[in-house]
């Protein structure tokens, strides 16, 4: 179970998933969710891994209630250059074909 933080220019989104790689591919292909598709919110800034789904969901809710500055500090603690952690996970071919699979 993963709690993860996506961002784009000016927008951010905190989510939970059981399969991070598949879910990030879907977001990058524009099929991840209506919100992330609408705002091109697919840069993975932060991720936490949990053994228990309930703990992951609880953490997601906690992070959603945090102030923006707290979230940025949390991200910078693990990703100080604030770059997409999944930037090298997929090729353009992978992303294009993900749309066709759905």
C-alpha atoms as a PDB file:
ATOM      1  CA  UNK A   1       0.000   0.000   0.000  1.00  0.00           C
ATOM      2  CA  UNK A   2       1.389   3.371  -1.017  1.00  0.00           C
ATOM      3  CA  UNK A   3       0.418   6.907  -0.113  1.00  0.00           C
ATOM      4  CA  UNK A   4       1.798   9.270  -2.712  1.00  0.00           C
ATOM      5  CA  UNK A   5       1.876  12.945  -3.614  1.00  0.00           C
ATOM      6  CA  UNK A   6       1.473  14.142  -7.192  1.00  0.00           C
ATOM      7  CA  UNK A   7       1.913  17.672  -8.429  1.00  0.00           C
ATOM      8  CA  UNK A   8       1.818  19.856 -11.515  1.00  0.00           C
ATOM      9  CA  UNK A   9       2.144  23.578 -11.959  1.00  0.00           C
ATOM     10  CA  UNK A  10       0.124  24.946  -9.067  1.00  0.00           C
ATOM     11  CA  UNK A  11      -1.882  21.807  -8.274  1.00  0.00           C
ATOM     12  CA  UNK A  12      -1.259  18.848  -5.989  1.00  0.00           C
ATOM     13  CA  UNK A  13      -3.010  15.631  -5.131  1.00  0.00           C
ATOM     14  CA  UNK A  14      -2.485  13.001  -2.423  1.00  0.00           C
ATOM     15  CA  UNK A  15      -3.642   9.463  -3.171  1.00  0.00           C
ATOM     16  CA  UNK A  16      -3.418   5.831  -2.055  1.00  0.00           C
ATOM     17  CA  UNK A  17      -2.793   2.770  -4.221  1.00  0.00           C
ATOM     18  CA  UNK A  18      -1.784  -0.842  -3.929  1.00  0.00           C
ATOM     19  CA  UNK A  19       0.253  -0.776  -7.151  1.00  0.00           C
ATOM     20  CA  UNK A  20       2.300   2.403  -7.416  1.00  0.00           C
ATOM     21  CA  UNK A  21       3.995   1.720 -10.750  1.00  0.00           C
ATOM     22  CA  UNK A  22       0.758   0.902 -12.585  1.00  0.00           C
ATOM     23  CA  UNK A  23      -1.032   3.866 -11.043  1.00  0.00           C
ATOM     24  CA  UNK A  24       1.732   6.343 -11.916  1.00  0.00           C
ATOM     25  CA  UNK A  25       1.755   5.054 -15.498  1.00  0.00           C
ATOM     26  CA  UNK A  26      -1.996   5.656 -15.659  1.00  0.00           C
ATOM     27  CA  UNK A  27      -1.573   9.213 -14.340  1.00  0.00           C
ATOM     28  CA  UNK A  28       1.189   9.957 -16.858  1.00  0.00           C
ATOM     29  CA  UNK A  29      -1.041   8.602 -19.638  1.00  0.00           C
ATOM     30  CA  UNK A  30      -3.878  10.878 -18.555  1.00  0.00           C
ATOM     31  CA  UNK A  31      -6.102   8.037 -17.382  1.00  0.00           C
ATOM     32  CA  UNK A  32      -5.231   8.100 -13.675  1.00  0.00           C
ATOM     33  CA  UNK A  33      -8.221  10.095 -12.447  1.00  0.00           C
ATOM     34  CA  UNK A  34     -10.389  12.967 -13.614  1.00  0.00           C
ATOM     35  CA  UNK A  35      -8.603  15.475 -11.379  1.00  0.00           C
ATOM     36  CA  UNK A  36      -5.073  14.433 -12.313  1.00  0.00           C
ATOM     37  CA  UNK A  37      -6.008  14.268 -16.009  1.00  0.00           C
ATOM     38  CA  UNK A  38      -7.687  17.678 -15.976  1.00  0.00           C
ATOM     39  CA  UNK A  39      -4.708  19.388 -14.329  1.00  0.00           C
ATOM     40  CA  UNK A  40      -1.892  17.239 -15.799  1.00  0.00           C
ATOM     41  CA  UNK A  41      -0.982  16.314 -12.257  1.00  0.00           C
ATOM     42  CA  UNK A  42       1.436  13.425 -12.749  1.00  0.00           C
ATOM     43  CA  UNK A  43       4.783  14.360 -11.207  1.00  0.00           C
ATOM     44  CA  UNK A  44       5.523  11.994  -8.321  1.00  0.00           C
ATOM     45  CA  UNK A  45       7.076  14.083  -5.557  1.00  0.00           C
ATOM     46  CA  UNK A  46       6.732  11.863  -2.510  1.00  0.00           C
ATOM     47  CA  UNK A  47       5.769   8.305  -1.592  1.00  0.00           C
ATOM     48  CA  UNK A  48       5.352   6.280   1.591  1.00  0.00           C
ATOM     49  CA  UNK A  49       4.923   2.494   1.742  1.00  0.00           C
ATOM     50  CA  UNK A  50       2.641   0.761   4.261  1.00  0.00           C
ATOM     51  CA  UNK A  51       1.944  -2.886   5.007  1.00  0.00           C
ATOM     52  CA  UNK A  52      -1.630  -2.164   6.043  1.00  0.00           C
ATOM     53  CA  UNK A  53      -4.251  -0.497   3.827  1.00  0.00           C
ATOM     54  CA  UNK A  54      -5.953   1.170   6.786  1.00  0.00           C
ATOM     55  CA  UNK A  55      -2.694   2.782   7.870  1.00  0.00           C
ATOM     56  CA  UNK A  56      -2.102   4.048   4.319  1.00  0.00           C
ATOM     57  CA  UNK A  57      -5.591   5.527   4.090  1.00  0.00           C
ATOM     58  CA  UNK A  58      -5.214   7.142   7.524  1.00  0.00           C
ATOM     59  CA  UNK A  59      -1.925   8.709   6.412  1.00  0.00           C
ATOM     60  CA  UNK A  60      -3.515   9.965   3.183  1.00  0.00           C
ATOM     61  CA  UNK A  61      -6.250  11.704   5.169  1.00  0.00           C
ATOM     62  CA  UNK A  62      -3.699  13.155   7.579  1.00  0.00           C
ATOM     63  CA  UNK A  63      -1.568  14.594   4.771  1.00  0.00           C
ATOM     64  CA  UNK A  64      -4.596  16.060   3.015  1.00  0.00           C
ATOM     65  CA  UNK A  65      -5.296  18.106   6.151  1.00  0.00           C
ATOM     66  CA  UNK A  66      -1.779  19.465   6.433  1.00  0.00           C
ATOM     67  CA  UNK A  67      -0.862  23.040   5.518  1.00  0.00           C
ATOM     68  CA  UNK A  68       0.862  23.445   2.162  1.00  0.00           C
ATOM     69  CA  UNK A  69       4.171  24.449   3.808  1.00  0.00           C
ATOM     70  CA  UNK A  70       4.181  21.285   5.922  1.00  0.00           C
ATOM     71  CA  UNK A  71       3.689  19.160   2.801  1.00  0.00           C
ATOM     72  CA  UNK A  72       6.493  20.945   0.959  1.00  0.00           C
ATOM     73  CA  UNK A  73       8.842  20.452   3.901  1.00  0.00           C
ATOM     74  CA  UNK A  74       7.952  16.754   4.035  1.00  0.00           C
ATOM     75  CA  UNK A  75       8.700  16.384   0.331  1.00  0.00           C
ATOM     76  CA  UNK A  76      11.963  18.320   0.545  1.00  0.00           C
ATOM     77  CA  UNK A  77      13.094  16.092   3.408  1.00  0.00           C
ATOM     78  CA  UNK A  78      13.235  13.126   1.003  1.00  0.00           C
ATOM     79  CA  UNK A  79      13.267  14.851  -2.385  1.00  0.00           C
ATOM     80  CA  UNK A  80      15.201  18.063  -1.820  1.00  0.00           C
ATOM     81  CA  UNK A  81      15.494  18.899  -5.531  1.00  0.00           C
ATOM     82  CA  UNK A  82      11.710  18.539  -5.941  1.00  0.00           C
ATOM     83  CA  UNK A  83      11.964  16.443  -9.091  1.00  0.00           C
ATOM     84  CA  UNK A  84       9.632  13.771 -10.450  1.00  0.00           C
ATOM     85  CA  UNK A  85      10.664  10.554  -8.691  1.00  0.00           C
ATOM     86  CA  UNK A  86       9.139   8.553 -11.560  1.00  0.00           C
ATOM     87  CA  UNK A  87      10.699  10.549 -14.413  1.00  0.00           C
ATOM     88  CA  UNK A  88      12.686   7.555 -15.682  1.00  0.00           C
ATOM     89  CA  UNK A  89      10.147   4.822 -14.997  1.00  0.00           C
ATOM     90  CA  UNK A  90       8.449   4.835 -18.409  1.00  0.00           C
ATOM     91  CA  UNK A  91       9.175   5.582 -22.033  1.00  0.00           C
ATOM     92  CA  UNK A  92       6.902   7.640 -24.262  1.00  0.00           C
ATOM     93  CA  UNK A  93       5.951   4.325 -25.876  1.00  0.00           C
ATOM     94  CA  UNK A  94       4.857   2.925 -22.484  1.00  0.00           C
ATOM     95  CA  UNK A  95       2.729   5.996 -21.804  1.00  0.00           C
ATOM     96  CA  UNK A  96       1.119   5.962 -25.248  1.00  0.00           C
ATOM     97  CA  UNK A  97       0.304   2.276 -25.009  1.00  0.00           C
ATOM     98  CA  UNK A  98      -1.141   2.635 -21.522  1.00  0.00           C
ATOM     99  CA  UNK A  99      -3.928   4.734 -23.047  1.00  0.00           C
ATOM    100  CA  UNK A 100      -4.676   1.989 -25.557  1.00  0.00           C
ATOM    101  CA  UNK A 101      -4.794  -0.744 -22.895  1.00  0.00           C
ATOM    102  CA  UNK A 102      -7.497   1.055 -20.916  1.00  0.00           C
END
